[in-house]
N, C-alpha and C. Protein backbone atom coordinates (compact mmCIF):
# COMPACT_ATOMS: atom_id res chain seq x y z
N UNK A 1 3.90 21.18 10.92
CA UNK A 1 3.70 20.21 12.25
C UNK A 1 5.43 20.59 12.43
N UNK A 2 6.08 20.60 11.33
CA UNK A 2 7.50 19.75 12.26
C UNK A 2 8.59 18.72 12.61
N UNK A 3 7.60 17.58 12.94
CA UNK A 3 8.21 16.50 13.08
C UNK A 3 7.73 15.73 12.00
N UNK A 4 8.28 14.51 11.64
CA UNK A 4 8.00 13.80 9.67
C UNK A 4 6.92 12.64 10.72
N UNK A 5 7.73 12.19 11.66
CA UNK A 5 7.42 11.41 12.15
C UNK A 5 7.86 10.01 12.73
N UNK A 6 6.95 9.17 12.66
CA UNK A 6 7.98 7.62 13.43
C UNK A 6 8.54 7.01 11.35
N UNK A 7 9.58 6.26 11.57
CA UNK A 7 10.48 6.06 10.11
C UNK A 7 9.85 4.87 9.92
N UNK A 8 8.51 4.58 8.70
CA UNK A 8 7.93 3.41 8.41
C UNK A 8 9.06 2.71 7.16
N UNK A 9 10.42 3.05 7.12
CA UNK A 9 11.31 2.71 6.49
C UNK A 9 12.64 3.30 6.85
N UNK A 10 13.55 2.69 7.46
CA UNK A 10 15.08 3.20 7.10
C UNK A 10 15.82 2.04 6.35
N UNK A 11 16.30 3.77 5.09
CA UNK A 11 17.57 2.16 4.49
C UNK A 11 18.47 2.40 4.69
N UNK A 12 19.14 1.76 5.06
CA UNK A 12 20.42 1.29 5.98
C UNK A 12 21.51 0.90 4.59
N UNK A 13 22.89 1.57 4.40
CA UNK A 13 24.01 1.60 3.26
C UNK A 13 24.87 1.42 4.81
N UNK A 14 25.45 0.99 4.59
CA UNK A 14 27.00 1.07 4.91
C UNK A 14 28.46 1.32 4.44
N UNK A 15 29.16 2.33 5.14
CA UNK A 15 29.79 3.26 3.30
C UNK A 15 30.76 4.24 3.86
N UNK A 16 32.14 4.15 3.67
CA UNK A 16 33.64 5.46 3.99
C UNK A 16 32.96 6.31 2.99
N UNK A 17 33.35 7.35 3.48
CA UNK A 17 33.07 8.89 2.02
C UNK A 17 33.65 8.37 1.05
N UNK A 18 33.28 7.93 -0.17
CA UNK A 18 33.86 8.25 -1.51
C UNK A 18 33.98 6.92 -1.69
N UNK A 19 33.08 5.91 -1.43
CA UNK A 19 33.59 4.31 -1.83
C UNK A 19 31.63 3.81 -1.96
N UNK A 20 31.10 2.78 -2.15
CA UNK A 20 30.01 2.14 -3.29
C UNK A 20 29.00 1.97 -2.47
N UNK A 21 28.14 1.67 -2.42
CA UNK A 21 27.26 2.22 -1.08
C UNK A 21 27.44 0.58 -1.56
N UNK A 22 26.97 -0.07 -0.11
CA UNK A 22 26.61 -1.50 -0.62
C UNK A 22 24.88 -1.70 -0.71
N UNK A 23 24.74 -3.13 -0.90
CA UNK A 23 23.21 -2.79 -1.07
C UNK A 23 22.56 -2.71 0.34
N UNK A 24 21.64 -1.53 0.12
CA UNK A 24 21.25 -1.19 1.13
C UNK A 24 19.57 -2.56 1.86
N UNK A 25 19.54 -1.78 2.93
CA UNK A 25 18.63 -2.58 4.14
C UNK A 25 17.44 -2.46 4.31
N UNK A 26 16.35 -3.00 4.38
CA UNK A 26 15.08 -1.71 5.37
C UNK A 26 15.10 -2.43 5.84
N UNK A 27 14.98 -1.49 6.84
CA UNK A 27 15.02 -1.66 9.08
C UNK A 27 13.33 -0.76 9.10
N UNK A 28 13.19 -0.86 10.38
CA UNK A 28 11.90 -0.41 10.43
C UNK A 28 12.37 0.36 11.86
N UNK A 29 11.96 1.88 11.83
CA UNK A 29 13.15 2.54 12.86
C UNK A 29 11.84 2.68 14.42
N UNK A 30 12.41 3.39 15.65
CA UNK A 30 11.49 3.42 16.86
C UNK A 30 10.71 5.07 16.27
N UNK A 31 12.04 5.86 15.23
CA UNK A 31 12.16 6.79 15.93
C UNK A 31 12.10 7.67 15.32
N UNK A 32 12.33 8.92 14.09
CA UNK A 32 12.75 10.14 13.13
C UNK A 32 11.42 11.15 12.70
N UNK A 33 12.77 11.30 13.67
CA UNK A 33 12.62 13.21 13.85
C UNK A 33 12.41 13.87 12.66
N UNK A 34 12.16 15.24 11.62
CA UNK A 34 12.59 15.64 11.16
C UNK A 34 12.13 17.45 11.31
N UNK A 35 12.68 17.73 11.94
CA UNK A 35 12.62 19.23 12.26
C UNK A 35 14.07 21.08 11.05
N UNK A 36 13.00 21.33 10.19
CA UNK A 36 13.86 21.45 8.59
C UNK A 36 14.84 23.10 9.15
N UNK A 37 15.67 22.05 9.32
CA UNK A 37 16.67 23.85 9.43
C UNK A 37 17.75 23.31 10.56
N UNK A 38 16.52 22.54 11.28
CA UNK A 38 17.09 21.89 12.82
C UNK A 38 17.67 21.11 13.66
N UNK A 39 17.11 19.53 13.57
CA UNK A 39 17.60 18.79 14.18
C UNK A 39 16.63 17.55 13.14
N UNK A 40 17.89 16.71 12.34
CA UNK A 40 17.19 15.21 12.88
C UNK A 40 17.81 14.39 13.21
N UNK A 41 16.91 13.06 14.04
CA UNK A 41 17.00 12.14 15.42
C UNK A 41 16.60 10.61 14.51
N UNK A 42 17.35 9.65 14.27
CA UNK A 42 16.41 8.72 14.16
C UNK A 42 17.20 7.55 15.89
N UNK A 43 16.07 6.68 15.88
CA UNK A 43 16.39 5.20 16.82
C UNK A 43 15.74 4.56 16.12
N UNK A 44 16.31 3.52 15.26
CA UNK A 44 16.49 2.53 15.55
C UNK A 44 17.07 0.63 16.07
N UNK A 45 16.39 0.23 16.34
CA UNK A 45 15.72 -0.62 17.05
C UNK A 45 16.16 -2.41 16.44
N UNK A 46 16.37 -3.80 16.77
CA UNK A 46 15.73 -4.53 15.79
C UNK A 46 17.05 -5.74 17.25
N UNK A 47 15.59 -6.72 17.23
CA UNK A 47 15.70 -7.46 18.06
C UNK A 47 17.11 -8.44 17.59
N UNK A 48 16.76 -8.86 16.54
CA UNK A 48 17.76 -9.86 15.54
C UNK A 48 19.51 -9.64 15.39
N UNK A 49 19.47 -7.60 15.63
CA UNK A 49 20.82 -7.18 15.27
C UNK A 49 20.84 -6.25 14.50
N UNK A 50 22.32 -5.78 14.11
CA UNK A 50 22.50 -5.10 13.42
C UNK A 50 24.48 -5.77 12.62
N UNK A 51 24.43 -5.84 11.43
CA UNK A 51 26.20 -6.22 11.31
C UNK A 51 26.82 -5.38 11.77
N UNK A 52 27.79 -5.40 12.17
CA UNK A 52 28.71 -4.53 12.85
C UNK A 52 30.87 -4.68 11.96
N UNK A 53 30.95 -3.71 11.94
CA UNK A 53 32.01 -3.34 10.57
C UNK A 53 32.69 -5.38 11.64
N UNK A 54 33.91 -5.28 10.06
CA UNK A 54 34.31 -6.81 10.82
C UNK A 54 35.55 -6.65 10.39
N UNK A 55 36.23 -5.07 9.80
CA UNK A 55 36.97 -5.44 9.71
C UNK A 55 38.17 -4.08 8.83
N UNK A 56 39.89 -2.81 9.02
CA UNK A 56 40.02 -2.82 9.02
C UNK A 56 39.78 -1.49 7.86
N UNK A 57 39.09 -1.73 7.36
CA UNK A 57 38.38 -1.59 5.62
C UNK A 57 37.97 -0.09 6.24
N UNK A 58 36.80 -1.64 6.88
CA UNK A 58 35.59 -1.26 7.29
C UNK A 58 34.68 0.09 8.97
N UNK A 59 36.12 -0.30 9.13
CA UNK A 59 36.06 0.50 10.64
C UNK A 59 36.38 2.24 10.99
N UNK A 60 34.87 3.11 11.07
CA UNK A 60 34.96 3.64 11.00
C UNK A 60 35.82 4.57 12.45
N UNK A 61 36.51 3.73 13.05
CA UNK A 61 38.08 4.36 13.77
C UNK A 61 38.66 4.55 13.20
N UNK A 62 38.89 4.35 11.58
CA UNK A 62 40.11 3.86 11.12
C UNK A 62 39.94 5.17 9.89
N UNK A 63 38.52 5.30 9.39
CA UNK A 63 37.78 5.19 7.55
C UNK A 63 36.86 6.48 8.55
N UNK A 64 36.66 6.83 9.61
CA UNK A 64 35.55 7.40 8.99
C UNK A 64 34.75 7.28 8.56
N UNK A 65 33.50 7.74 8.59
CA UNK A 65 32.14 7.56 7.35
C UNK A 65 31.20 8.32 7.00
N UNK A 66 30.03 8.41 6.79
CA UNK A 66 28.87 9.84 6.37
C UNK A 66 28.24 8.90 7.00
N UNK A 67 27.55 10.28 7.19
CA UNK A 67 25.55 9.54 7.38
C UNK A 67 24.48 10.85 6.83
N UNK A 68 23.90 10.63 6.65
CA UNK A 68 22.78 10.60 4.99
C UNK A 68 21.90 10.86 5.41
N UNK A 69 20.98 11.42 5.83
CA UNK A 69 19.41 11.76 6.17
C UNK A 69 18.26 12.02 4.63
N UNK A 70 17.61 11.39 4.03
CA UNK A 70 17.04 11.62 2.72
C UNK A 70 15.13 11.26 2.52
N UNK A 71 14.14 12.02 2.34
CA UNK A 71 12.47 11.82 1.49
C UNK A 71 12.99 11.10 0.16
N UNK A 72 12.52 9.61 0.80
CA UNK A 72 12.21 8.86 -0.12
C UNK A 72 11.37 8.66 -1.57
N UNK A 73 11.07 9.94 -1.05
CA UNK A 73 9.75 10.84 -2.45
C UNK A 73 10.00 11.74 -2.98
N UNK A 74 11.40 11.65 -2.62
CA UNK A 74 11.85 13.89 -3.26
C UNK A 74 12.06 14.44 -2.81
N UNK A 75 11.20 14.92 -2.21
CA UNK A 75 10.74 16.17 -2.34
C UNK A 75 11.24 16.74 -1.16
N UNK A 76 12.02 16.34 -0.07
CA UNK A 76 12.15 16.84 1.31
C UNK A 76 14.04 17.04 1.63
N UNK A 77 14.27 16.71 0.61
CA UNK A 77 15.69 16.49 -0.37
C UNK A 77 16.68 15.34 0.66
N UNK A 78 17.33 15.75 0.82
CA UNK A 78 18.21 15.21 1.87
C UNK A 78 19.51 15.94 2.43
N UNK A 79 20.11 15.18 3.12
CA UNK A 79 21.24 15.76 4.00
C UNK A 79 22.09 14.58 4.85
N UNK A 80 24.09 15.24 3.89
CA UNK A 80 24.06 14.08 4.50
C UNK A 80 25.73 15.08 5.23
N UNK A 81 26.09 14.51 6.34
CA UNK A 81 27.21 14.43 7.11
C UNK A 81 28.21 13.86 6.81
N UNK A 82 29.45 14.60 7.02
CA UNK A 82 30.97 13.13 6.71
C UNK A 82 31.34 13.30 8.55
N UNK A 83 31.78 11.84 8.78
CA UNK A 83 31.78 10.96 10.71
C UNK A 83 33.01 11.50 10.88
N UNK A 84 34.17 11.97 10.78
CA UNK A 84 35.21 11.75 10.44
C UNK A 84 36.42 11.00 11.77
N UNK A 85 36.95 10.15 11.32
CA UNK A 85 38.12 8.26 12.19
C UNK A 85 37.97 8.87 13.06
N UNK A 86 38.96 10.26 13.52
CA UNK A 86 39.05 10.82 15.00
C UNK A 86 38.11 11.08 16.17
N UNK A 87 36.26 11.21 15.75
CA UNK A 87 35.32 10.37 16.66
C UNK A 87 35.37 10.16 16.69
N UNK A 88 35.32 8.62 16.09
CA UNK A 88 35.50 7.22 16.48
C UNK A 88 35.84 6.85 17.91
N UNK A 89 34.95 5.61 18.56
CA UNK A 89 35.11 5.18 19.32
C UNK A 89 35.00 3.46 19.34
N UNK A 90 35.43 2.29 20.01
CA UNK A 90 34.73 1.03 19.47
C UNK A 90 34.70 0.95 20.76
N UNK A 91 33.91 0.27 21.19
CA UNK A 91 33.14 -0.27 22.05
C UNK A 91 33.70 -1.65 22.68
N UNK A 92 33.65 -2.05 23.78
CA UNK A 92 33.39 -3.53 23.81
C UNK A 92 35.25 -3.40 24.07
N UNK A 93 35.40 -4.77 24.31
CA UNK A 93 36.76 -5.58 24.55
C UNK A 93 36.94 -7.38 23.74
N UNK A 94 37.31 -7.06 22.29
CA UNK A 94 38.52 -5.45 22.17
C UNK A 94 37.29 -4.24 21.20
N UNK A 95 37.66 -3.57 21.73
CA UNK A 95 37.02 -1.98 19.88
C UNK A 95 37.06 -2.59 19.43
N UNK A 96 35.03 -1.94 19.81
CA UNK A 96 34.55 -2.05 17.56
C UNK A 96 33.69 -3.89 18.16
N UNK A 97 34.02 -4.89 18.94
CA UNK A 97 33.48 -5.59 19.31
C UNK A 97 31.36 -5.35 19.46
N UNK A 98 31.81 -4.12 20.54
CA UNK A 98 30.33 -4.01 20.76
C UNK A 98 29.20 -2.76 20.47
N UNK A 99 30.16 -2.58 19.10
CA UNK A 99 29.94 -0.81 18.15
C UNK A 99 30.74 -0.29 18.45
N UNK A 100 29.86 0.36 17.48
CA UNK A 100 30.80 2.25 17.54
C UNK A 100 30.32 2.82 18.20
N UNK A 101 31.19 3.54 18.60
CA UNK A 101 30.10 6.66 19.00
C UNK A 101 30.69 7.11 18.47
N UNK A 102 30.43 7.66 18.14
CA UNK A 102 30.80 8.60 17.13
C UNK A 102 30.32 9.89 18.29
N UNK A 103 31.82 10.86 19.17
CA UNK A 103 31.03 12.15 19.17
C UNK A 103 31.52 13.54 18.34
N UNK A 104 30.56 14.26 18.26
CA UNK A 104 31.06 15.04 17.16
C UNK A 104 32.04 16.12 18.10
N UNK A 105 31.75 16.76 19.44
CA UNK A 105 33.09 17.38 20.22
C UNK A 105 33.78 17.20 19.81
N UNK A 106 34.45 15.49 19.33
CA UNK A 106 35.90 15.41 19.83
C UNK A 106 36.27 15.61 18.21
N UNK A 107 35.67 16.17 17.47
CA UNK A 107 36.08 16.86 16.39
C UNK A 107 35.33 18.25 15.80
N UNK A 108 35.33 17.93 16.70
CA UNK A 108 35.15 19.60 16.62
C UNK A 108 32.65 19.36 15.43
N UNK A 109 32.79 18.88 15.15
CA UNK A 109 31.51 18.38 14.03
C UNK A 109 31.18 19.38 15.41
N UNK A 110 30.49 20.39 14.50
CA UNK A 110 28.90 21.18 15.87
C UNK A 110 27.47 20.47 15.37
N UNK A 111 27.15 19.15 14.23
CA UNK A 111 25.78 19.17 13.57
C UNK A 111 26.11 18.02 14.36
N UNK A 112 26.50 17.33 13.64
CA UNK A 112 26.26 15.57 13.87
C UNK A 112 26.49 15.59 15.86
N UNK A 113 26.22 15.59 17.11
CA UNK A 113 26.43 15.83 18.20
C UNK A 113 26.82 14.37 18.24
N UNK A 114 25.64 13.80 18.69
CA UNK A 114 26.48 11.78 18.77
C UNK A 114 25.44 10.95 17.46
N UNK A 115 26.16 9.92 17.76
CA UNK A 115 25.86 8.48 16.47
C UNK A 115 25.94 7.34 17.49
N UNK A 116 25.34 6.21 17.31
CA UNK A 116 26.01 4.83 18.41
C UNK A 116 25.57 3.39 17.14
N UNK A 117 26.19 2.81 16.84
CA UNK A 117 25.67 1.87 16.16
C UNK A 117 26.04 0.78 17.38
N UNK A 118 25.38 0.21 17.56
CA UNK A 118 25.92 -1.61 18.59
C UNK A 118 24.91 -2.59 18.01
N UNK A 119 25.00 -3.63 18.29
CA UNK A 119 24.29 -4.99 18.14
C UNK A 119 22.92 -4.82 18.07
N UNK A 120 22.00 -3.89 18.58
CA UNK A 120 20.39 -3.84 18.03
C UNK A 120 19.51 -2.92 18.89
N UNK A 121 20.79 -1.62 18.09
CA UNK A 121 20.24 -0.05 17.72
C UNK A 121 20.93 0.92 17.41
N UNK A 122 20.34 1.73 16.64
CA UNK A 122 20.82 2.86 15.50
C UNK A 122 20.78 3.83 16.70
N UNK A 123 21.03 4.40 16.74
CA UNK A 123 20.64 6.13 17.34
C UNK A 123 21.89 7.31 16.38
N UNK A 124 21.26 8.27 16.39
CA UNK A 124 21.34 9.72 15.37
C UNK A 124 21.19 10.42 15.59
N UNK A 125 22.12 12.45 16.42
CA UNK A 125 20.86 13.40 16.39
C UNK A 125 22.35 14.42 15.67
N UNK A 126 21.68 15.04 14.75
CA UNK A 126 22.66 15.48 14.17
C UNK A 126 21.31 16.85 14.30
N UNK A 127 22.23 18.65 13.99
CA UNK A 127 21.37 19.73 14.67
C UNK A 127 22.14 20.64 13.68
N UNK A 128 20.98 21.55 13.42
CA UNK A 128 21.64 23.14 12.76
C UNK A 128 20.59 22.94 11.71
N UNK A 129 21.12 24.79 10.86
CA UNK A 129 20.97 25.39 9.93
C UNK A 129 21.32 24.90 8.36
N UNK A 130 22.62 23.38 8.52
CA UNK A 130 22.78 22.30 7.62
C UNK A 130 22.29 21.62 7.62
N UNK A 131 21.19 21.59 7.56
CA UNK A 131 20.40 20.09 8.03
C UNK A 131 19.70 20.62 7.30
N UNK A 132 19.78 20.46 5.64
CA UNK A 132 18.34 20.80 4.98
C UNK A 132 17.75 19.65 4.16
N UNK A 133 16.85 19.65 4.75
CA UNK A 133 15.62 18.81 4.44
C UNK A 133 14.26 19.61 5.04
N UNK A 134 13.61 19.56 4.41
CA UNK A 134 12.21 19.55 4.07
C UNK A 134 10.56 18.82 4.00
N UNK A 135 9.77 19.27 5.44
CA UNK A 135 8.45 19.05 5.77
C UNK A 135 7.35 19.87 5.20
N UNK A 136 6.49 19.25 4.69
CA UNK A 136 6.80 17.35 4.90
C UNK A 136 7.05 16.11 3.58
N UNK A 137 7.74 15.52 4.01
CA UNK A 137 8.27 14.88 3.39
C UNK A 137 6.57 14.04 2.38
N UNK A 138 7.97 12.92 1.14
CA UNK A 138 6.57 12.73 0.09
C UNK A 138 6.69 10.97 0.52
N UNK A 139 7.76 10.44 0.36
CA UNK A 139 8.10 9.16 0.98
C UNK A 139 8.17 9.35 2.53
N UNK A 140 9.06 7.70 2.68
CA UNK A 140 9.02 7.55 3.67
C UNK A 140 10.93 8.67 4.63
N UNK A 141 11.08 8.91 5.50
CA UNK A 141 12.44 9.28 6.38
C UNK A 141 12.88 7.80 5.48
N UNK A 142 14.08 7.98 5.40
CA UNK A 142 15.38 7.53 4.97
C UNK A 142 16.40 7.67 6.13
N UNK A 143 17.74 6.91 5.95
CA UNK A 143 19.09 7.15 6.59
C UNK A 143 19.97 6.14 6.16
N UNK A 144 20.99 6.85 5.25
CA UNK A 144 22.22 5.61 4.92
C UNK A 144 23.23 5.97 6.09
N UNK A 145 23.18 5.38 6.54
CA UNK A 145 23.82 4.98 8.30
C UNK A 145 25.34 5.03 8.35
N UNK A 146 26.27 5.23 9.09
CA UNK A 146 27.88 6.03 9.19
C UNK A 146 28.87 5.27 9.24
N UNK A 147 28.64 4.17 8.99
CA UNK A 147 29.94 2.92 9.34
C UNK A 147 29.75 1.45 7.48
N UNK A 148 31.21 1.94 7.64
CA UNK A 148 31.61 0.56 6.47
C UNK A 148 31.20 -0.50 6.43
N UNK A 149 30.28 -1.30 4.84
CA UNK A 149 30.12 -2.52 5.61
C UNK A 149 31.50 -2.92 3.94
C-alpha cells in the first residue's frame, strides 16, 4: 500500500549530530506516512506541549541537528538526515522562544524540505530515493526529533 498509517507511538529524543541521545519520550502522532524511496512525513500535536531547546548547546541554529525515521520492529529499516545549522531559523522574539523551523532549500538539502518544532506541534517532510524505509513495518513508525535536548 505504500502508507504505513498513523503513528501509534513516536519515539522522540533530541540530539545534535554525534551526541548522546537523551531519554526517549513516546508521544502520539496525528499523521505518519512512509512511501519507500519517496517520502517520510510526520505530524505530531500535543495539548501539553513539547519542550523547546533552552540553551546555545541545544540550539539547532547554532549546532544543527539530525532527524531519524525508523520501524520500532526493525523490519522497515531506518533513515537519518543531517540538518545543518544554516537551515534553521528561530521563531518568535527572542528567536527560538516559539520554536524552530528548518528549510532544506537554505542549505541545498533536497531531501528534508521542511521541519518545524513548535510548543504544540512537530512536523517533518523528507522526500527522495534516500528515504530508505521499507513497508509494511512490523512495529510502530518512530522518529528521533531534529533538535538537541
